[in-house]
């Protein structure tokens, strides 16, 4: 679990140019950026490294549709996530 969170944290730290908060599947919340949080992403499911490394955009889009990820705030700004 630690490895997956570390990879996800590193990717999310550079994926946005706005302040965000991320709540992981274990309930712990990380904040990225300076200022008031504009987007809050909640991961309701633990994603494996292999899931996120193969086709991350598709995996995250499907997860959002299946409510495995929740996004609060400006959804349009959250759509610019780019994990590669």
Protein backbone atom coordinates (compact mmCIF):
# COMPACT_ATOMS: atom_id res chain seq x y z
CA UNK A 1 0.00 0.00 0.00
CA UNK A 2 2.83 2.41 0.75
CA UNK A 3 4.34 1.99 -2.71
CA UNK A 4 1.06 2.78 -4.50
CA UNK A 5 0.47 5.88 -2.36
CA UNK A 6 4.03 7.09 -2.94
CA UNK A 7 3.68 6.77 -6.72
CA UNK A 8 0.27 8.42 -6.69
CA UNK A 9 1.47 11.25 -4.43
CA UNK A 10 4.46 12.00 -6.68
CA UNK A 11 2.24 12.07 -9.76
CA UNK A 12 -0.43 14.25 -8.17
CA UNK A 13 2.12 16.70 -6.76
CA UNK A 14 3.04 17.77 -10.30
CA UNK A 15 -0.24 17.09 -12.12
CA UNK A 16 -2.03 20.27 -11.05
CA UNK A 17 -1.17 23.94 -11.06
CA UNK A 18 -3.87 24.71 -8.47
CA UNK A 19 -4.12 23.76 -4.78
CA UNK A 20 -5.72 20.32 -4.37
CA UNK A 21 -6.46 17.86 -1.59
CA UNK A 22 -6.42 14.10 -2.07
CA UNK A 23 -8.02 11.64 0.34
CA UNK A 24 -6.67 8.13 -0.09
CA UNK A 25 -8.51 4.83 0.35
CA UNK A 26 -7.15 4.61 3.91
CA UNK A 27 -8.76 7.93 4.88
CA UNK A 28 -5.57 9.99 5.02
CA UNK A 29 -5.60 13.35 3.23
CA UNK A 30 -2.66 15.00 1.47
CA UNK A 31 -2.63 18.63 0.30
CA UNK A 32 -0.67 19.93 -2.68
CA UNK A 33 -0.01 23.54 -3.63
CA UNK A 34 -0.30 26.80 -1.76
CA UNK A 35 -3.56 28.45 -0.77
CA UNK A 36 -7.14 27.32 -0.39
CA UNK A 37 -7.96 23.93 -1.90
CA UNK A 38 -9.88 24.27 -5.17
CA UNK A 39 -10.32 20.57 -5.96
CA UNK A 40 -10.67 17.61 -3.58
CA UNK A 41 -10.20 14.12 -5.00
CA UNK A 42 -11.22 11.10 -2.95
CA UNK A 43 -9.96 7.65 -3.89
CA UNK A 44 -12.51 5.11 -2.62
CA UNK A 45 -10.48 2.23 -4.01
CA UNK A 46 -6.82 1.30 -3.84
CA UNK A 47 -5.32 1.24 -7.32
CA UNK A 48 -2.37 -0.99 -8.07
CA UNK A 49 0.78 0.32 -9.70
CA UNK A 50 0.09 -1.82 -12.77
CA UNK A 51 -3.39 -0.28 -13.17
CA UNK A 52 -2.04 3.27 -13.02
CA UNK A 53 1.04 2.66 -15.14
CA UNK A 54 -0.61 1.00 -18.14
CA UNK A 55 -3.37 3.44 -19.17
CA UNK A 56 -3.79 5.93 -16.31
CA UNK A 57 -6.20 8.28 -18.06
CA UNK A 58 -8.58 5.45 -18.98
CA UNK A 59 -8.29 3.83 -15.54
CA UNK A 60 -9.05 7.10 -13.75
CA UNK A 61 -11.93 7.97 -16.11
CA UNK A 62 -13.54 4.56 -15.56
CA UNK A 63 -12.95 4.84 -11.82
CA UNK A 64 -14.74 8.20 -11.79
CA UNK A 65 -17.70 6.73 -13.69
CA UNK A 66 -17.83 3.79 -11.24
CA UNK A 67 -17.66 6.16 -8.23
CA UNK A 68 -14.30 4.73 -7.17
CA UNK A 69 -13.03 8.32 -7.36
CA UNK A 70 -14.99 11.38 -6.25
CA UNK A 71 -14.12 14.91 -7.33
CA UNK A 72 -15.35 17.98 -5.47
CA UNK A 73 -14.74 21.54 -6.60
CA UNK A 74 -14.11 22.81 -10.09
CA UNK A 75 -14.42 19.59 -12.13
CA UNK A 76 -13.15 21.29 -15.25
CA UNK A 77 -9.88 22.13 -13.51
CA UNK A 78 -9.54 18.56 -12.23
CA UNK A 79 -9.80 17.21 -15.77
CA UNK A 80 -6.32 18.49 -16.59
CA UNK A 81 -4.67 15.75 -14.55
CA UNK A 82 -1.88 14.11 -16.49
CA UNK A 83 -0.16 11.09 -15.03
CA UNK A 84 2.41 9.67 -17.38
